Amino acid sequence: RSEADREEVCRTFNAIFAVPLTVDIRPVVTLAEYGL
C-alpha cells in the first residue's frame, strides 16, 4: 500500500536474486488490427 513497503519488497528481491527489480512501468501502448 505504501511506497516504503514497495521499496522493501524490491530490496528483498535484490538480495535473493542478486539483480535489482527494475520494471518498465510506462510501456508503449500499440493498437493493432489483431489486438491491443
PDB file of all heavy atoms in Angstrom:
ATOM      1  N   ARG A   1       0.800  -1.224   0.000  1.00  0.00           N
ATOM      2  CA  ARG A   1       0.000   0.000   0.000  1.00  0.00           C
ATOM      3  C   ARG A   1       0.833   1.274   0.000  1.00  0.00           C
ATOM      4  O   ARG A   1       0.359   2.328  -0.394  1.00  0.00           O
ATOM      5  CB  ARG A   1      -0.928   0.023   1.229  1.00  0.00           C
ATOM      6  CG  ARG A   1      -1.914  -1.116   1.312  1.00  0.00           C
ATOM      7  CD  ARG A   1      -2.927  -1.076   0.182  1.00  0.00           C
ATOM      8  NE  ARG A   1      -4.061  -1.937   0.440  1.00  0.00           N
ATOM      9  CZ  ARG A   1      -4.160  -3.193   0.082  1.00  0.00           C
ATOM     10  NH1 ARG A   1      -3.150  -3.754  -0.567  1.00  0.00           N
ATOM     11  NH2 ARG A   1      -5.232  -3.910   0.349  1.00  0.00           N
ATOM     12  N   SER A   2       2.070   1.199   0.469  1.00  0.00           N
ATOM     13  CA  SER A   2       2.884   2.413   0.571  1.00  0.00           C
ATOM     14  C   SER A   2       4.169   2.273  -0.234  1.00  0.00           C
ATOM     15  O   SER A   2       4.636   1.154  -0.507  1.00  0.00           O
ATOM     16  CB  SER A   2       3.235   2.709   2.036  1.00  0.00           C
ATOM     17  OG  SER A   2       4.140   1.738   2.538  1.00  0.00           O
ATOM     18  N   GLU A   3       4.748   3.408  -0.593  1.00  0.00           N
ATOM     19  CA  GLU A   3       5.982   3.405  -1.372  1.00  0.00           C
ATOM     20  C   GLU A   3       7.124   2.779  -0.589  1.00  0.00           C
ATOM     21  O   GLU A   3       7.968   2.058  -1.148  1.00  0.00           O
ATOM     22  CB  GLU A   3       6.345   4.839  -1.772  1.00  0.00           C
ATOM     23  CG  GLU A   3       7.466   4.940  -2.788  1.00  0.00           C
ATOM     24  CD  GLU A   3       7.090   4.291  -4.109  1.00  0.00           C
ATOM     25  OE1 GLU A   3       5.895   4.341  -4.501  1.00  0.00           O
ATOM     26  OE2 GLU A   3       8.003   3.724  -4.755  1.00  0.00           O
ATOM     27  N   ALA A   4       7.167   3.019   0.722  1.00  0.00           N
ATOM     28  CA  ALA A   4       8.239   2.447   1.548  1.00  0.00           C
ATOM     29  C   ALA A   4       8.160   0.920   1.563  1.00  0.00           C
ATOM     30  O   ALA A   4       9.189   0.226   1.491  1.00  0.00           O
ATOM     31  CB  ALA A   4       8.144   3.001   2.969  1.00  0.00           C
ATOM     32  N   ASP A   5       6.940   0.383   1.646  1.00  0.00           N
ATOM     33  CA  ASP A   5       6.780  -1.075   1.649  1.00  0.00           C
ATOM     34  C   ASP A   5       7.172  -1.667   0.295  1.00  0.00           C
ATOM     35  O   ASP A   5       7.772  -2.747   0.219  1.00  0.00           O
ATOM     36  CB  ASP A   5       5.334  -1.448   1.980  1.00  0.00           C
ATOM     37  CG  ASP A   5       4.970  -1.152   3.425  1.00  0.00           C
ATOM     38  OD1 ASP A   5       5.901  -0.957   4.227  1.00  0.00           O
ATOM     39  OD2 ASP A   5       3.764  -1.102   3.747  1.00  0.00           O
ATOM     40  N   ARG A   6       6.839  -0.963  -0.773  1.00  0.00           N
ATOM     41  CA  ARG A   6       7.223  -1.451  -2.103  1.00  0.00           C
ATOM     42  C   ARG A   6       8.743  -1.497  -2.243  1.00  0.00           C
ATOM     43  O   ARG A   6       9.296  -2.432  -2.827  1.00  0.00           O
ATOM     44  CB  ARG A   6       6.614  -0.561  -3.183  1.00  0.00           C
ATOM     45  CG  ARG A   6       5.092  -0.580  -3.234  1.00  0.00           C
ATOM     46  CD  ARG A   6       4.572   0.145  -4.467  1.00  0.00           C
ATOM     47  NE  ARG A   6       3.131   0.278  -4.428  1.00  0.00           N
ATOM     48  CZ  ARG A   6       2.470   1.395  -4.161  1.00  0.00           C
ATOM     49  NH1 ARG A   6       3.151   2.506  -3.922  1.00  0.00           N
ATOM     50  NH2 ARG A   6       1.147   1.430  -4.135  1.00  0.00           N
ATOM     51  N   GLU A   7       9.413  -0.505  -1.708  1.00  0.00           N
ATOM     52  CA  GLU A   7      10.878  -0.486  -1.775  1.00  0.00           C
ATOM     53  C   GLU A   7      11.474  -1.639  -0.977  1.00  0.00           C
ATOM     54  O   GLU A   7      12.487  -2.222  -1.373  1.00  0.00           O
ATOM     55  CB  GLU A   7      11.400   0.856  -1.256  1.00  0.00           C
ATOM     56  CG  GLU A   7      11.095   2.023  -2.189  1.00  0.00           C
ATOM     57  CD  GLU A   7      11.508   3.359  -1.599  1.00  0.00           C
ATOM     58  OE1 GLU A   7      11.996   3.362  -0.431  1.00  0.00           O
ATOM     59  OE2 GLU A   7      11.353   4.385  -2.280  1.00  0.00           O
ATOM     60  N   GLU A   8      10.854  -1.977   0.155  1.00  0.00           N
ATOM     61  CA  GLU A   8      11.335  -3.111   0.949  1.00  0.00           C
ATOM     62  C   GLU A   8      11.213  -4.416   0.177  1.00  0.00           C
ATOM     63  O   GLU A   8      12.111  -5.266   0.208  1.00  0.00           O
ATOM     64  CB  GLU A   8      10.549  -3.206   2.267  1.00  0.00           C
ATOM     65  CG  GLU A   8      10.884  -2.149   3.288  1.00  0.00           C
ATOM     66  CD  GLU A   8      12.264  -2.360   3.885  1.00  0.00           C
ATOM     67  OE1 GLU A   8      12.829  -3.466   3.728  1.00  0.00           O
ATOM     68  OE2 GLU A   8      12.790  -1.420   4.501  1.00  0.00           O
ATOM     69  N   VAL A   9      10.087  -4.605  -0.530  1.00  0.00           N
ATOM     70  CA  VAL A   9       9.912  -5.809  -1.332  1.00  0.00           C
ATOM     71  C   VAL A   9      10.967  -5.863  -2.434  1.00  0.00           C
ATOM     72  O   VAL A   9      11.550  -6.925  -2.705  1.00  0.00           O
ATOM     73  CB  VAL A   9       8.493  -5.866  -1.932  1.00  0.00           C
ATOM     74  CG1 VAL A   9       8.352  -7.057  -2.875  1.00  0.00           C
ATOM     75  CG2 VAL A   9       7.451  -5.948  -0.829  1.00  0.00           C
ATOM     76  N   CYS A  10      11.256  -4.723  -3.063  1.00  0.00           N
ATOM     77  CA  CYS A  10      12.288  -4.675  -4.111  1.00  0.00           C
ATOM     78  C   CYS A  10      13.660  -5.006  -3.545  1.00  0.00           C
ATOM     79  O   CYS A  10      14.460  -5.710  -4.186  1.00  0.00           O
ATOM     80  CB  CYS A  10      12.308  -3.296  -4.766  1.00  0.00           C
ATOM     81  SG  CYS A  10      10.852  -2.924  -5.773  1.00  0.00           S
ATOM     82  N   ARG A  11      13.956  -4.527  -2.329  1.00  0.00           N
ATOM     83  CA  ARG A  11      15.242  -4.835  -1.709  1.00  0.00           C
ATOM     84  C   ARG A  11      15.358  -6.324  -1.405  1.00  0.00           C
ATOM     85  O   ARG A  11      16.435  -6.919  -1.563  1.00  0.00           O
ATOM     86  CB  ARG A  11      15.423  -4.012  -0.427  1.00  0.00           C
ATOM     87  CG  ARG A  11      15.973  -2.615  -0.670  1.00  0.00           C
ATOM     88  CD  ARG A  11      16.437  -1.965   0.617  1.00  0.00           C
ATOM     89  NE  ARG A  11      15.305  -1.537   1.426  1.00  0.00           N
ATOM     90  CZ  ARG A  11      14.752  -0.323   1.332  1.00  0.00           C
ATOM     91  NH1 ARG A  11      15.233   0.560   0.481  1.00  0.00           N
ATOM     92  NH2 ARG A  11      13.732   0.001   2.102  1.00  0.00           N
ATOM     93  N   THR A  12      14.274  -6.920  -0.966  1.00  0.00           N
ATOM     94  CA  THR A  12      14.281  -8.361  -0.698  1.00  0.00           C
ATOM     95  C   THR A  12      14.544  -9.138  -1.980  1.00  0.00           C
ATOM     96  O   THR A  12      15.319 -10.101  -1.998  1.00  0.00           O
ATOM     97  CB  THR A  12      12.941  -8.797  -0.087  1.00  0.00           C
ATOM     98  OG1 THR A  12      12.719  -8.087   1.139  1.00  0.00           O
ATOM     99  CG2 THR A  12      12.916 -10.286   0.197  1.00  0.00           C
ATOM    100  N   PHE A  13      13.898  -8.725  -3.061  1.00  0.00           N
ATOM    101  CA  PHE A  13      14.119  -9.379  -4.361  1.00  0.00           C
ATOM    102  C   PHE A  13      15.579  -9.260  -4.782  1.00  0.00           C
ATOM    103  O   PHE A  13      16.190 -10.235  -5.238  1.00  0.00           O
ATOM    104  CB  PHE A  13      13.205  -8.745  -5.405  1.00  0.00           C
ATOM    105  CG  PHE A  13      13.243  -9.420  -6.747  1.00  0.00           C
ATOM    106  CD1 PHE A  13      12.331 -10.414  -7.062  1.00  0.00           C
ATOM    107  CD2 PHE A  13      14.184  -9.063  -7.695  1.00  0.00           C
ATOM    108  CE1 PHE A  13      12.366 -11.052  -8.288  1.00  0.00           C
ATOM    109  CE2 PHE A  13      14.231  -9.686  -8.934  1.00  0.00           C
ATOM    110  CZ  PHE A  13      13.314 -10.690  -9.229  1.00  0.00           C
ATOM    111  N   ASN A  14      16.148  -8.084  -4.610  1.00  0.00           N
ATOM    112  CA  ASN A  14      17.538  -7.840  -4.992  1.00  0.00           C
ATOM    113  C   ASN A  14      18.489  -8.713  -4.180  1.00  0.00           C
ATOM    114  O   ASN A  14      19.453  -9.274  -4.708  1.00  0.00           O
ATOM    115  CB  ASN A  14      17.874  -6.363  -4.791  1.00  0.00           C
ATOM    116  CG  ASN A  14      19.216  -5.989  -5.379  1.00  0.00           C
ATOM    117  OD1 ASN A  14      19.864  -6.793  -6.031  1.00  0.00           O
ATOM    118  ND2 ASN A  14      19.638  -4.758  -5.136  1.00  0.00           N
ATOM    119  N   ALA A  15      18.207  -8.861  -2.887  1.00  0.00           N
ATOM    120  CA  ALA A  15      19.079  -9.655  -2.018  1.00  0.00           C
ATOM    121  C   ALA A  15      19.069 -11.130  -2.389  1.00  0.00           C
ATOM    122  O   ALA A  15      20.093 -11.813  -2.273  1.00  0.00           O
ATOM    123  CB  ALA A  15      18.646  -9.479  -0.564  1.00  0.00           C
ATOM    124  N   ILE A  16      17.931 -11.639  -2.845  1.00  0.00           N
ATOM    125  CA  ILE A  16      17.817 -13.075  -3.140  1.00  0.00           C
ATOM    126  C   ILE A  16      18.234 -13.390  -4.569  1.00  0.00           C
ATOM    127  O   ILE A  16      18.956 -14.368  -4.814  1.00  0.00           O
ATOM    128  CB  ILE A  16      16.378 -13.560  -2.861  1.00  0.00           C
ATOM    129  CG1 ILE A  16      16.095 -13.484  -1.364  1.00  0.00           C
ATOM    130  CG2 ILE A  16      16.147 -14.972  -3.397  1.00  0.00           C
ATOM    131  CD1 ILE A  16      14.673 -13.764  -0.976  1.00  0.00           C
ATOM    132  N   PHE A  17      17.808 -12.587  -5.527  1.00  0.00           N
ATOM    133  CA  PHE A  17      18.115 -12.856  -6.931  1.00  0.00           C
ATOM    134  C   PHE A  17      19.397 -12.166  -7.408  1.00  0.00           C
ATOM    135  O   PHE A  17      19.842 -12.423  -8.524  1.00  0.00           O
ATOM    136  CB  PHE A  17      16.945 -12.427  -7.818  1.00  0.00           C
ATOM    137  CG  PHE A  17      15.750 -13.324  -7.729  1.00  0.00           C
ATOM    138  CD1 PHE A  17      14.775 -13.119  -6.769  1.00  0.00           C
ATOM    139  CD2 PHE A  17      15.595 -14.394  -8.609  1.00  0.00           C
ATOM    140  CE1 PHE A  17      13.663 -13.943  -6.681  1.00  0.00           C
ATOM    141  CE2 PHE A  17      14.502 -15.227  -8.533  1.00  0.00           C
ATOM    142  CZ  PHE A  17      13.527 -15.006  -7.563  1.00  0.00           C
ATOM    143  N   ALA A  18      19.940 -11.301  -6.580  1.00  0.00           N
ATOM    144  CA  ALA A  18      21.191 -10.586  -6.910  1.00  0.00           C
ATOM    145  C   ALA A  18      21.046  -9.704  -8.142  1.00  0.00           C
ATOM    146  O   ALA A  18      22.022  -9.431  -8.837  1.00  0.00           O
ATOM    147  CB  ALA A  18      22.344 -11.570  -7.096  1.00  0.00           C
ATOM    148  N   VAL A  19      19.841  -9.275  -8.432  1.00  0.00           N
ATOM    149  CA  VAL A  19      19.590  -8.302  -9.508  1.00  0.00           C
ATOM    150  C   VAL A  19      18.532  -7.329  -8.999  1.00  0.00           C
ATOM    151  O   VAL A  19      17.629  -7.702  -8.252  1.00  0.00           O
ATOM    152  CB  VAL A  19      19.090  -8.980 -10.802  1.00  0.00           C
ATOM    153  CG1 VAL A  19      20.180  -9.838 -11.419  1.00  0.00           C
ATOM    154  CG2 VAL A  19      17.844  -9.806 -10.544  1.00  0.00           C
ATOM    155  N   PRO A  20      18.628  -6.050  -9.366  1.00  0.00           N
ATOM    156  CA  PRO A  20      17.607  -5.087  -8.932  1.00  0.00           C
ATOM    157  C   PRO A  20      16.291  -5.368  -9.646  1.00  0.00           C
ATOM    158  O   PRO A  20      16.262  -5.756 -10.818  1.00  0.00           O
ATOM    159  CB  PRO A  20      18.202  -3.737  -9.339  1.00  0.00           C
ATOM    160  CG  PRO A  20      19.136  -4.056 -10.462  1.00  0.00           C
ATOM    161  CD  PRO A  20      19.688  -5.417 -10.179  1.00  0.00           C
ATOM    162  N   LEU A  21      15.214  -5.178  -8.930  1.00  0.00           N
ATOM    163  CA  LEU A  21      13.884  -5.388  -9.502  1.00  0.00           C
ATOM    164  C   LEU A  21      13.501  -4.128 -10.270  1.00  0.00           C
ATOM    165  O   LEU A  21      12.963  -3.165  -9.720  1.00  0.00           O
ATOM    166  CB  LEU A  21      12.869  -5.680  -8.399  1.00  0.00           C
ATOM    167  CG  LEU A  21      11.431  -5.941  -8.831  1.00  0.00           C
ATOM    168  CD1 LEU A  21      11.364  -7.021  -9.888  1.00  0.00           C
ATOM    169  CD2 LEU A  21      10.572  -6.329  -7.645  1.00  0.00           C
ATOM    170  N   THR A  22      13.819  -4.125 -11.552  1.00  0.00           N
ATOM    171  CA  THR A  22      13.510  -2.978 -12.401  1.00  0.00           C
ATOM    172  C   THR A  22      12.478  -3.388 -13.431  1.00  0.00           C
ATOM    173  O   THR A  22      12.628  -4.402 -14.112  1.00  0.00           O
ATOM    174  CB  THR A  22      14.773  -2.484 -13.124  1.00  0.00           C
ATOM    175  OG1 THR A  22      15.341  -3.564 -13.877  1.00  0.00           O
ATOM    176  CG2 THR A  22      15.799  -1.974 -12.124  1.00  0.00           C
ATOM    177  N   VAL A  23      11.414  -2.597 -13.517  1.00  0.00           N
ATOM    178  CA  VAL A  23      10.310  -2.903 -14.428  1.00  0.00           C
ATOM    179  C   VAL A  23       9.920  -1.626 -15.146  1.00  0.00           C
ATOM    180  O   VAL A  23       9.870  -0.539 -14.551  1.00  0.00           O
ATOM    181  CB  VAL A  23       9.096  -3.468 -13.658  1.00  0.00           C
ATOM    182  CG1 VAL A  23       7.923  -3.707 -14.600  1.00  0.00           C
ATOM    183  CG2 VAL A  23       9.464  -4.766 -12.952  1.00  0.00           C
ATOM    184  N   ASP A  24       9.642  -1.741 -16.433  1.00  0.00           N
ATOM    185  CA  ASP A  24       9.174  -0.596 -17.212  1.00  0.00           C
ATOM    186  C   ASP A  24       7.706  -0.357 -16.868  1.00  0.00           C
ATOM    187  O   ASP A  24       6.830  -1.110 -17.280  1.00  0.00           O
ATOM    188  CB  ASP A  24       9.330  -0.885 -18.707  1.00  0.00           C
ATOM    189  CG  ASP A  24       8.886   0.304 -19.568  1.00  0.00           C
ATOM    190  OD1 ASP A  24       8.637   1.385 -18.998  1.00  0.00           O
ATOM    191  OD2 ASP A  24       8.797   0.137 -20.795  1.00  0.00           O
ATOM    192  N   ILE A  25       7.455   0.673 -16.055  1.00  0.00           N
ATOM    193  CA  ILE A  25       6.076   0.920 -15.617  1.00  0.00           C
ATOM    194  C   ILE A  25       5.330   1.846 -16.576  1.00  0.00           C
ATOM    195  O   ILE A  25       4.171   2.172 -16.340  1.00  0.00           O
ATOM    196  CB  ILE A  25       6.057   1.523 -14.197  1.00  0.00           C
ATOM    197  CG1 ILE A  25       6.806   2.859 -14.153  1.00  0.00           C
ATOM    198  CG2 ILE A  25       6.633   0.549 -13.191  1.00  0.00           C
ATOM    199  CD1 ILE A  25       6.688   3.576 -12.822  1.00  0.00           C
ATOM    200  N   ARG A  26       6.006   2.261 -17.648  1.00  0.00           N
ATOM    201  CA  ARG A  26       5.343   3.078 -18.668  1.00  0.00           C
ATOM    202  C   ARG A  26       5.574   2.459 -20.051  1.00  0.00           C
ATOM    203  O   ARG A  26       6.266   3.023 -20.896  1.00  0.00           O
ATOM    204  CB  ARG A  26       5.864   4.525 -18.631  1.00  0.00           C
ATOM    205  CG  ARG A  26       5.494   5.285 -17.356  1.00  0.00           C
ATOM    206  CD  ARG A  26       6.016   6.707 -17.390  1.00  0.00           C
ATOM    207  NE  ARG A  26       5.630   7.443 -16.197  1.00  0.00           N
ATOM    208  CZ  ARG A  26       6.301   7.403 -15.052  1.00  0.00           C
ATOM    209  NH1 ARG A  26       7.398   6.665 -14.960  1.00  0.00           N
ATOM    210  NH2 ARG A  26       5.889   8.094 -14.006  1.00  0.00           N
ATOM    211  N   PRO A  27       5.036   1.268 -20.276  1.00  0.00           N
ATOM    212  CA  PRO A  27       5.263   0.603 -21.561  1.00  0.00           C
ATOM    213  C   PRO A  27       4.532   1.312 -22.696  1.00  0.00           C
ATOM    214  O   PRO A  27       3.564   2.037 -22.483  1.00  0.00           O
ATOM    215  CB  PRO A  27       4.681  -0.803 -21.331  1.00  0.00           C
ATOM    216  CG  PRO A  27       3.631  -0.595 -20.290  1.00  0.00           C
ATOM    217  CD  PRO A  27       4.154   0.492 -19.392  1.00  0.00           C
ATOM    218  N   VAL A  28       5.015   1.059 -23.912  1.00  0.00           N
ATOM    219  CA  VAL A  28       4.392   1.622 -25.110  1.00  0.00           C
ATOM    220  C   VAL A  28       3.091   0.884 -25.394  1.00  0.00           C
ATOM    221  O   VAL A  28       3.050  -0.344 -25.389  1.00  0.00           O
ATOM    222  CB  VAL A  28       5.342   1.521 -26.319  1.00  0.00           C
ATOM    223  CG1 VAL A  28       4.654   2.019 -27.584  1.00  0.00           C
ATOM    224  CG2 VAL A  28       6.620   2.295 -26.048  1.00  0.00           C
ATOM    225  N   VAL A  29       2.035   1.662 -25.633  1.00  0.00           N
ATOM    226  CA  VAL A  29       0.731   1.076 -25.944  1.00  0.00           C
ATOM    227  C   VAL A  29       0.523   1.162 -27.451  1.00  0.00           C
ATOM    228  O   VAL A  29       0.632   2.239 -28.049  1.00  0.00           O
ATOM    229  CB  VAL A  29      -0.405   1.814 -25.197  1.00  0.00           C
ATOM    230  CG1 VAL A  29      -1.762   1.206 -25.567  1.00  0.00           C
ATOM    231  CG2 VAL A  29      -0.176   1.736 -23.693  1.00  0.00           C
ATOM    232  N   THR A  30       0.237   0.002 -28.058  1.00  0.00           N
ATOM    233  CA  THR A  30       0.068  -0.067 -29.510  1.00  0.00           C
ATOM    234  C   THR A  30      -1.262  -0.718 -29.839  1.00  0.00           C
ATOM    235  O   THR A  30      -1.554  -1.819 -29.350  1.00  0.00           O
ATOM    236  CB  THR A  30       1.201  -0.878 -30.164  1.00  0.00           C
ATOM    237  OG1 THR A  30       2.457  -0.318 -29.776  1.00  0.00           O
ATOM    238  CG2 THR A  30       1.067  -0.859 -31.678  1.00  0.00           C
ATOM    239  N   LEU A  31      -2.072  -0.047 -30.620  1.00  0.00           N
ATOM    240  CA  LEU A  31      -3.344  -0.616 -31.064  1.00  0.00           C
ATOM    241  C   LEU A  31      -3.154  -1.152 -32.476  1.00  0.00           C
ATOM    242  O   LEU A  31      -2.901  -0.390 -33.412  1.00  0.00           O
ATOM    243  CB  LEU A  31      -4.449   0.443 -31.041  1.00  0.00           C
ATOM    244  CG  LEU A  31      -5.837  -0.026 -31.498  1.00  0.00           C
ATOM    245  CD1 LEU A  31      -6.333  -1.157 -30.604  1.00  0.00           C
ATOM    246  CD2 LEU A  31      -6.828   1.146 -31.487  1.00  0.00           C
ATOM    247  N   ALA A  32      -3.234  -2.456 -32.633  1.00  0.00           N
ATOM    248  CA  ALA A  32      -3.060  -3.109 -33.932  1.00  0.00           C
ATOM    249  C   ALA A  32      -4.380  -3.733 -34.365  1.00  0.00           C
ATOM    250  O   ALA A  32      -5.358  -3.799 -33.596  1.00  0.00           O
ATOM    251  CB  ALA A  32      -1.974  -4.174 -33.852  1.00  0.00           C
ATOM    252  N   GLU A  33      -4.388  -4.193 -35.591  1.00  0.00           N
ATOM    253  CA  GLU A  33      -5.613  -4.781 -36.150  1.00  0.00           C
ATOM    254  C   GLU A  33      -6.025  -6.033 -35.380  1.00  0.00           C
ATOM    255  O   GLU A  33      -7.199  -6.342 -35.245  1.00  0.00           O
ATOM    256  CB  GLU A  33      -5.382  -5.119 -37.619  1.00  0.00           C
ATOM    257  CG  GLU A  33      -6.602  -5.719 -38.324  1.00  0.00           C
ATOM    258  CD  GLU A  33      -6.317  -6.029 -39.776  1.00  0.00           C
ATOM    259  OE1 GLU A  33      -5.256  -5.630 -40.283  1.00  0.00           O
ATOM    260  OE2 GLU A  33      -7.166  -6.688 -40.399  1.00  0.00           O
ATOM    261  N   TYR A  34      -5.060  -6.764 -34.851  1.00  0.00           N
ATOM    262  CA  TYR A  34      -5.333  -8.046 -34.192  1.00  0.00           C
ATOM    263  C   TYR A  34      -5.325  -7.942 -32.666  1.00  0.00           C
ATOM    264  O   TYR A  34      -5.367  -8.942 -31.977  1.00  0.00           O
ATOM    265  CB  TYR A  34      -4.292  -9.095 -34.626  1.00  0.00           C
ATOM    266  CG  TYR A  34      -2.878  -8.574 -34.637  1.00  0.00           C
ATOM    267  CD1 TYR A  34      -2.126  -8.543 -33.468  1.00  0.00           C
ATOM    268  CD2 TYR A  34      -2.312  -8.091 -35.812  1.00  0.00           C
ATOM    269  CE1 TYR A  34      -0.839  -8.044 -33.470  1.00  0.00           C
ATOM    270  CE2 TYR A  34      -1.014  -7.594 -35.828  1.00  0.00           C
ATOM    271  CZ  TYR A  34      -0.284  -7.579 -34.650  1.00  0.00           C
ATOM    272  OH  TYR A  34       1.000  -7.086 -34.647  1.00  0.00           O
ATOM    273  N   GLY A  35      -5.252  -6.735 -32.099  1.00  0.00           N
ATOM    274  CA  GLY A  35      -5.334  -6.620 -30.656  1.00  0.00           C
ATOM    275  C   GLY A  35      -4.631  -5.395 -30.113  1.00  0.00           C
ATOM    276  O   GLY A  35      -4.008  -4.625 -30.848  1.00  0.00           O
ATOM    277  N   LEU A  36      -4.724  -5.208 -28.801  1.00  0.00           N
ATOM    278  CA  LEU A  36      -4.082  -4.099 -28.103  1.00  0.00           C
ATOM    279  C   LEU A  36      -2.839  -4.617 -27.402  1.00  0.00           C
ATOM    280  O   LEU A  36      -2.909  -5.546 -26.582  1.00  0.00           O
ATOM    281  CB  LEU A  36      -5.040  -3.481 -27.086  1.00  0.00           C
ATOM    282  CG  LEU A  36      -4.467  -2.354 -26.208  1.00  0.00           C
ATOM    283  CD1 LEU A  36      -4.180  -1.131 -27.067  1.00  0.00           C
ATOM    284  CD2 LEU A  36      -5.430  -2.016 -25.080  1.00  0.00           C
TER     285      LEU A  36
END
